[in-house]
Protein backbone atom coordinates (compact mmCIF):
# COMPACT_ATOMS: atom_id res chain seq x y z
CA UNK A 1 67.75 361.16 32.47
CA UNK A 2 69.84 360.42 29.34
CA UNK A 3 71.93 357.92 31.24
CA UNK A 4 68.81 356.19 32.64
CA UNK A 5 67.36 355.82 29.13
CA UNK A 6 70.68 354.48 27.84
CA UNK A 7 70.85 352.08 30.77
CA UNK A 8 67.37 350.63 29.97
CA UNK A 9 68.17 350.26 26.30
CA UNK A 10 71.54 348.67 26.75
CA UNK A 11 70.42 346.33 29.55
CA UNK A 12 67.48 345.04 27.57
CA UNK A 13 69.34 344.58 24.26
CA UNK A 14 72.53 342.93 25.46
CA UNK A 15 73.12 339.48 24.02
CA UNK A 16 73.67 336.78 26.65
CA UNK A 17 77.23 335.43 26.82
CA UNK A 18 79.06 333.12 29.22
CA UNK A 19 82.61 331.84 29.19
CA UNK A 20 82.69 328.15 28.17
CA UNK A 21 81.74 325.74 30.92
CA UNK A 22 80.46 328.26 33.48
CA UNK A 23 76.91 327.74 34.68
CA UNK A 24 74.27 329.78 36.48
CA UNK A 25 71.87 328.25 39.04
CA UNK A 26 69.09 330.07 40.81
CA UNK A 27 69.49 329.93 44.59
CA UNK A 28 66.49 331.97 45.71
CA UNK A 29 63.77 334.37 44.60
CA UNK A 30 63.56 337.76 46.25
CA UNK A 31 60.25 338.65 47.90
CA UNK A 32 58.87 341.78 49.58
CA UNK A 33 61.06 344.36 47.80
CA UNK A 34 63.97 345.03 45.48
CA UNK A 35 67.31 343.47 46.45
CA UNK A 36 70.06 345.94 47.15
CA UNK A 37 72.94 343.85 48.60
CA UNK A 38 74.05 340.27 49.37
CA UNK A 39 76.05 338.63 52.19
CA UNK A 40 76.88 335.16 53.35
CA UNK A 41 77.90 333.86 56.77
CA UNK A 42 80.46 331.21 57.76
CA UNK A 43 77.89 328.51 57.62
CA UNK A 44 76.92 329.35 54.09
CA UNK A 45 73.62 331.04 54.94
CA UNK A 46 72.69 333.76 52.48
CA UNK A 47 71.32 337.18 53.51
CA UNK A 48 70.02 339.91 51.32
CA UNK A 49 68.63 343.41 51.89
CA UNK A 50 65.78 345.16 50.08
CA UNK A 51 65.61 348.85 49.50
CA UNK A 52 62.44 349.14 51.55
CA UNK A 53 64.34 348.18 54.73
CA UNK A 54 64.19 344.42 55.04
CA UNK A 55 67.03 342.06 55.99
CA UNK A 56 66.19 338.60 54.81
CA UNK A 57 67.91 335.25 55.58
CA UNK A 58 67.22 332.91 52.65
CA UNK A 59 65.02 330.10 53.88
CA UNK A 60 64.05 331.82 57.09
CA UNK A 61 62.50 335.13 55.90
CA UNK A 62 62.85 338.59 57.33
CA UNK A 63 65.15 338.73 60.42
CA UNK A 64 65.22 342.53 60.93
CA UNK A 65 64.03 345.88 59.44
CA UNK A 66 65.28 349.43 59.49
CA UNK A 67 63.26 352.66 59.24
CA UNK A 68 63.81 353.88 55.70
CA UNK A 69 61.95 354.46 52.41
CA UNK A 70 62.84 353.19 48.96
CA UNK A 71 63.23 356.08 46.53
CA UNK A 72 65.70 356.50 43.71
CA UNK A 73 69.12 355.42 44.97
CA UNK A 74 67.95 355.56 48.58
CA UNK A 75 66.67 353.10 51.14
CA UNK A 76 68.51 350.18 52.70
CA UNK A 77 71.55 350.10 50.45
CA UNK A 78 74.17 347.71 51.89
CA UNK A 79 74.97 344.83 54.27
CA UNK A 80 78.30 343.31 55.49
CA UNK A 81 78.65 340.72 58.19
CA UNK A 82 80.84 341.46 61.16
CA UNK A 83 80.25 337.93 62.44
CA UNK A 84 77.50 335.32 62.08
CA UNK A 85 75.27 337.16 64.52
CA UNK A 86 76.03 340.78 63.59
CA UNK A 87 75.44 342.68 60.38
CA UNK A 88 76.56 346.19 59.60
CA UNK A 89 74.19 348.02 57.27
CA UNK A 90 73.98 351.39 55.46
CA UNK A 91 70.56 353.01 54.87
CA UNK A 92 69.04 356.47 54.41
CA UNK A 93 66.50 357.95 56.78
CA UNK A 94 63.13 358.97 55.26
CA UNK A 95 63.49 362.18 53.23
CA UNK A 96 67.20 361.40 53.05
CA UNK A 97 68.05 363.42 56.07
CA UNK A 98 70.91 361.12 57.09
CA UNK A 99 72.93 358.22 55.71
CA UNK A 100 73.03 355.79 58.69
CA UNK A 101 75.55 353.06 59.45
CA UNK A 102 74.42 350.66 62.21
CA UNK A 103 74.88 347.24 63.64
CA UNK A 104 71.93 344.78 63.46
CA UNK A 105 71.61 341.74 65.83
CA UNK A 106 70.51 339.04 63.32
CA UNK A 107 68.96 337.03 66.15
CA UNK A 108 66.93 339.74 67.96
CA UNK A 109 66.70 342.34 65.21
CA UNK A 110 67.99 345.04 67.59
CA UNK A 111 69.79 347.98 66.04
CA UNK A 112 72.76 349.95 67.35
CA UNK A 113 73.57 353.20 65.52
CA UNK A 114 77.33 353.54 64.74
CA UNK A 115 77.24 356.90 62.91
CA UNK A 116 74.82 359.17 61.00
CA UNK A 117 76.08 361.22 58.03
CA UNK A 118 73.99 364.38 57.58
CA UNK A 119 72.79 364.91 53.95
CA UNK A 120 72.34 368.66 54.12
CA UNK A 121 75.04 369.81 56.58
CA UNK A 122 73.43 373.25 56.88
CA UNK A 123 69.92 372.00 57.74
CA UNK A 124 69.91 368.25 58.07
CA UNK A 125 66.12 367.91 58.53
CA UNK A 126 65.61 369.50 55.17
CA UNK A 127 66.98 366.33 53.53
CA UNK A 128 68.57 365.88 50.12
CA UNK A 129 67.80 364.19 46.82
CA UNK A 130 67.17 360.46 46.87
CA UNK A 131 69.75 360.01 44.06
CA UNK A 132 73.40 358.92 44.36
CA UNK A 133 73.76 357.73 47.96
CA UNK A 134 76.39 355.16 47.10
CA UNK A 135 75.58 351.98 49.02
CA UNK A 136 77.36 348.82 50.08
CA UNK A 137 80.08 348.61 52.71
CA UNK A 138 82.80 346.19 53.79
CA UNK A 139 83.97 345.17 57.23
CA UNK A 140 87.65 344.08 57.63
CA UNK A 141 88.63 341.20 59.87
CA UNK A 142 89.73 343.76 62.48
CA UNK A 143 86.33 345.42 62.51
CA UNK A 144 87.08 348.52 60.45
CA UNK A 145 84.19 349.60 58.22
CA UNK A 146 84.61 351.25 54.76
CA UNK A 147 81.83 352.72 52.65
CA UNK A 148 81.16 355.25 49.95
CA UNK A 149 78.41 357.90 49.70
CA UNK A 150 77.48 359.35 46.37
CA UNK A 151 77.10 363.06 45.50
CA UNK A 152 73.27 363.15 46.05
CA UNK A 153 73.09 364.42 42.46
CA UNK A 154 74.33 367.81 43.71
CA UNK A 155 77.60 367.38 41.89
CA UNK A 156 79.84 370.19 43.22
CA UNK A 157 79.72 369.11 46.89
CA UNK A 158 81.59 365.85 45.99
CA UNK A 159 84.79 367.94 46.01
CA UNK A 160 84.02 369.86 49.17
CA UNK A 161 85.65 368.39 52.29
CA UNK A 162 83.01 369.56 54.74
CA UNK A 163 80.10 367.71 52.98
CA UNK A 164 79.58 364.00 53.34
CA UNK A 165 78.45 363.52 49.75
CA UNK A 166 80.84 362.08 47.12
CA UNK A 167 83.23 360.74 49.75
CA UNK A 168 84.80 357.48 51.00
CA UNK A 169 84.81 356.87 54.71
CA UNK A 170 86.58 354.69 57.20
CA UNK A 171 84.94 353.95 60.55
CA UNK A 172 87.38 352.51 63.10
CA UNK A 173 86.33 349.87 65.64
CA UNK A 174 86.21 352.68 68.33
CA UNK A 175 83.54 354.48 66.29
CA UNK A 176 85.77 357.30 65.04
CA UNK A 177 85.00 358.39 61.48
CA UNK A 178 87.54 359.46 58.87
CA UNK A 179 87.03 360.88 55.42
CA UNK A 180 89.74 359.09 53.38
CA UNK A 181 88.86 360.15 49.80
CA UNK A 182 86.60 362.64 48.01
CA UNK A 183 85.55 363.41 44.46
CA UNK A 184 83.28 360.40 43.72
CA UNK A 185 79.96 360.43 41.84
CA UNK A 186 78.20 357.34 42.97
CA UNK A 187 80.29 354.43 44.32
CA UNK A 188 77.95 351.49 44.84
CA UNK A 189 80.51 349.23 46.67
CA UNK A 190 84.02 348.98 47.98
CA UNK A 191 86.41 346.09 48.40
CA UNK A 192 89.26 345.72 50.98
CA UNK A 193 92.57 343.97 50.12
CA UNK A 194 93.99 342.81 53.48
CA UNK A 195 97.32 341.94 51.94
CA UNK A 196 98.10 345.23 50.24
CA UNK A 197 96.04 347.24 52.80
CA UNK A 198 94.22 349.09 50.02
CA UNK A 199 90.64 349.85 49.15
CA UNK A 200 89.29 349.30 45.60
CA UNK A 201 86.38 351.59 44.66
CA UNK A 202 84.40 351.41 41.38
CA UNK A 203 82.51 354.55 40.50
CA UNK A 204 79.54 355.29 38.20
CA UNK A 205 80.38 357.94 35.67
CA UNK A 206 78.19 360.55 34.06
CA UNK A 207 78.20 359.14 30.56
CA UNK A 208 80.78 356.65 29.17
CA UNK A 209 83.24 357.00 32.01
CA UNK A 210 82.66 354.33 34.67
CA UNK A 211 85.84 353.82 36.74
CA UNK A 212 87.84 351.52 38.88
CA UNK A 213 89.89 353.38 41.54
CA UNK A 214 92.52 352.36 44.04
CA UNK A 215 92.55 354.57 47.19
CA UNK A 216 96.16 355.56 47.55
CA UNK A 217 96.30 357.81 50.57
CA UNK A 218 94.02 359.44 53.18
CA UNK A 219 92.35 362.61 51.99
CA UNK A 220 92.99 362.13 48.29
CA UNK A 221 90.87 363.91 45.65
CA UNK A 222 89.61 361.60 42.82
CA UNK A 223 88.40 364.14 40.43
CA UNK A 224 84.61 364.43 40.34
CA UNK A 225 83.07 366.84 39.29
CA UNK A 226 86.15 368.52 37.74
CA UNK A 227 87.06 365.38 35.83
CA UNK A 228 85.70 361.82 35.29
CA UNK A 229 86.90 358.79 33.39
CA UNK A 230 89.62 359.41 30.85
CA UNK A 231 89.47 363.20 31.00
CA UNK A 232 92.80 364.83 31.97
CA UNK A 233 93.05 365.03 35.76
CA UNK A 234 93.05 368.46 37.26
CA UNK A 235 96.08 369.42 39.35
CA UNK A 236 96.11 367.47 42.58
CA UNK A 237 93.56 364.86 41.46
CA UNK A 238 94.21 361.11 41.39
CA UNK A 239 93.05 359.48 38.16
CA UNK A 240 91.30 356.08 38.00
CA UNK A 241 93.27 352.87 37.28
CA UNK A 242 90.73 351.90 34.61
CA UNK A 243 87.92 353.47 32.61
CA UNK A 244 85.35 351.27 30.93
CA UNK A 245 85.04 352.03 27.17
CA UNK A 246 81.26 351.57 27.44
CA UNK A 247 78.57 352.19 30.00
CA UNK A 248 78.47 349.32 32.43
CA UNK A 249 77.26 350.99 35.70
CA UNK A 250 79.40 349.11 38.30
CA UNK A 251 77.49 347.89 41.41
CA UNK A 252 78.86 345.19 43.73
CA UNK A 253 82.56 344.17 44.12
CA UNK A 254 84.26 341.43 46.09
CA UNK A 255 87.87 340.48 46.56
CA UNK A 256 88.37 336.77 45.99
CA UNK A 257 89.74 334.77 48.83
CA UNK A 258 91.58 331.99 46.98
CA UNK A 259 89.10 329.33 47.93
CA UNK A 260 87.25 329.08 44.61
CA UNK A 261 88.52 326.21 42.39
CA UNK A 262 88.92 328.54 39.37
CA UNK A 263 88.97 332.17 40.59
CA UNK A 264 91.68 332.02 43.19
CA UNK A 265 92.74 335.70 43.24
CA UNK A 266 91.60 339.08 42.00
CA UNK A 267 88.14 340.59 42.08
CA UNK A 268 84.60 340.09 40.75
CA UNK A 269 82.58 343.17 40.00
CA UNK A 270 78.89 343.23 39.02
CA UNK A 271 77.30 345.56 36.51
CA UNK A 272 73.78 346.99 36.22
CA UNK A 273 73.72 348.14 32.60
CA UNK A 274 75.82 345.37 31.10
CA UNK A 275 74.23 342.73 33.31
CA UNK A 276 77.68 341.28 33.70
CA UNK A 277 80.17 339.83 36.23
CA UNK A 278 83.59 341.16 35.38
CA UNK A 279 86.78 339.56 36.65
CA UNK A 280 90.02 341.42 37.03
CA UNK A 281 93.26 340.61 38.84
CA UNK A 282 95.37 343.60 39.58
CA UNK A 283 93.20 346.64 40.49
CA UNK A 284 96.20 348.97 39.78
CA UNK A 285 96.21 347.85 36.11
CA UNK A 286 92.92 345.92 35.61
CA UNK A 287 91.65 344.36 32.39
CA UNK A 288 88.07 343.51 33.21
CA UNK A 289 86.84 340.27 31.62
CA UNK A 290 83.12 339.40 31.58
CA UNK A 291 82.53 335.84 32.80
CA UNK A 292 78.84 336.20 32.20
CA UNK A 293 76.94 339.03 30.51
CA UNK A 294 73.33 339.60 29.65
CA UNK A 295 72.10 336.31 31.08
CA UNK A 296 69.81 337.40 33.88
CA UNK A 297 69.40 341.16 33.56
CA UNK A 298 70.90 343.95 35.69
CA UNK A 299 73.18 342.49 38.44
CA UNK A 300 73.14 344.36 41.80
CA UNK A 301 75.77 342.55 43.96
CA UNK A 302 78.25 339.66 44.16
CA UNK A 303 79.75 337.76 47.10
CA UNK A 304 81.88 334.73 48.03
CA UNK A 305 81.36 332.22 50.80
CA UNK A 306 84.15 330.96 53.08
CA UNK A 307 84.15 327.74 51.07
CA UNK A 308 84.72 329.65 47.83
CA UNK A 309 81.18 329.44 46.47
CA UNK A 310 80.24 332.50 44.37
CA UNK A 311 76.82 334.15 44.44
CA UNK A 312 75.37 337.09 42.65
CA UNK A 313 71.99 338.78 42.62
CA UNK A 314 69.64 340.83 40.47
CA UNK A 315 66.91 342.89 42.08
CA UNK A 316 64.60 339.86 42.05
CA UNK A 317 66.71 336.69 42.41
CA UNK A 318 69.92 335.27 43.85
CA UNK A 319 72.08 332.98 41.68
CA UNK A 320 75.07 330.71 42.21
CA UNK A 321 77.93 330.88 39.72
CA UNK A 322 79.25 327.41 39.08
CA UNK A 323 82.71 326.97 37.53
CA UNK A 324 83.54 324.31 35.00
CA UNK A 325 85.70 321.19 35.74
CA UNK A 326 89.41 321.74 35.47
CA UNK A 327 90.43 320.17 32.21
CA UNK A 328 87.06 320.82 30.49
CA UNK A 329 88.75 323.21 28.09
CA UNK A 330 85.93 323.39 25.57
CA UNK A 331 83.29 323.79 28.23
CA UNK A 332 80.96 320.98 27.14
CA UNK A 333 80.63 319.52 30.63
CA UNK A 334 82.86 316.47 30.00
CA UNK A 335 86.55 315.80 29.79
CA UNK A 336 87.40 314.06 26.45
CA UNK A 337 89.99 313.96 23.75
CA UNK A 338 88.27 317.07 22.31
CA UNK A 339 89.59 319.04 25.30
CA UNK A 340 93.15 318.02 24.42
CA UNK A 341 92.66 319.41 20.91
CA UNK A 342 91.31 322.63 22.40
CA UNK A 343 94.24 322.91 24.81
CA UNK A 344 96.69 322.41 21.92
CA UNK A 345 95.08 325.31 20.12
CA UNK A 346 95.51 327.54 23.15
CA UNK A 347 99.13 326.65 24.13
CA UNK A 348 100.96 329.86 24.93
CA UNK A 349 97.77 331.86 25.57
CA UNK A 350 97.05 333.46 28.97
CA UNK A 351 95.19 331.27 31.38
CA UNK A 352 92.99 334.16 32.43
CA UNK A 353 89.54 333.62 30.96
CA UNK A 354 90.42 330.02 30.02
CA UNK A 355 91.06 328.65 33.48
CA UNK A 356 89.67 325.09 32.76
CA UNK A 357 92.39 324.69 30.06
CA UNK A 358 95.03 325.03 32.75
CA UNK A 359 94.67 321.41 33.68
CA UNK A 360 97.56 321.33 36.21
CA UNK A 361 96.55 324.70 37.78
CA UNK A 362 99.95 326.34 37.44
CA UNK A 363 98.70 329.57 35.81
CA UNK A 364 99.99 328.57 32.33
CA UNK A 365 98.48 326.87 29.29
CA UNK A 366 101.25 324.65 27.73
CA UNK A 367 102.11 321.14 26.69
CA UNK A 368 102.17 319.99 30.33
CA UNK A 369 98.34 320.50 30.44
CA UNK A 370 98.00 318.26 27.40
CA UNK A 371 99.98 315.57 29.19
CA UNK A 372 97.94 315.94 32.37
CA UNK A 373 94.75 315.50 30.38
CA UNK A 374 96.09 312.47 28.52
CA UNK A 375 96.88 310.81 31.85
CA UNK A 376 93.50 311.68 33.18
CA UNK A 377 91.79 310.05 30.23
CA UNK A 378 94.12 307.04 30.21
CA UNK A 379 93.40 306.32 33.86
CA UNK A 380 89.72 306.22 33.03
CA UNK A 381 90.12 303.47 30.41
CA UNK A 382 89.05 299.98 31.58
CA UNK A 383 91.84 297.58 32.20
CA UNK A 384 92.23 294.66 29.72
CA UNK A 385 93.31 291.24 30.94
CA UNK A 386 96.17 289.82 28.91
CA UNK A 387 95.78 286.27 27.70
């Protein structure tokens, strides 16, 4: 309850901030429910889910529904696209008897159950609390599914291997299910790195201890409820790679593909309490930087298209994040001599967070960028005929 009150106060009082030159454009309003996750297919068509069980294709309306009920952190919680016709979703059955992972045919709406995780393993039909069911999932190019399930607010069972709560799971293409990590409080989303073959998992802490974790080995214990955040890890526990110094409430996360003109590597993570999109590069030693914060309210999810377009969503709307022009160092929407002066003041500074100043896109801000910008401006000058 205390955390919920803090969340409301912080989310409503945060001052809006955006890195210079970045813009936000509304792409769609959400109708018929509260948005819980976001996805985009190879053709750039946006999909979102609502907690009351609807799968919506933007511009076309509802394409499928699942049998669930929206309550607390329950309902239809996540979507990932296996291909342009097939979605994989995670939702809770009414009364939270099971967390279900299934495939949805986006043309016919037909559902095929992949696996059902019992809430109460002693008496499943008794159900569990609607709180802390985790949520979104990811499907790798090879068809493997990863997802996290929260601790149902029952705390202690997150550390117990026989319970499904507080765990990270891998579902192989053949349908076999593997518990690969335990000791999580409420992981809203996970991101897969196909190069390093590792899973990155943010987790919502109890107070000021929201985390970023890198899953290191099958069966690892990540601390909750014995420890959280910066508390000393108990023997055998794996500590987080980063602990936020304030409450942010991490929600969605996406690994960047390299196709975006500015954000070519690393991760974007959305935040409910801070209403922010955080960027970080190395999940093993992250330094999250807010690109936007407090502009649109609590952010639920973030995704990237195959063309590199970035989208994020609140519970009521979907937005496109538009990067500045390369060379527009001061973020005023134009490339002028003022940008050269701004670059000169930043020479030797890290390019991270000031990507437009890196005019030649080499990852450095130096005198070469000044030269590139001078040439750009000179080439724009009208030619003068000599007499």
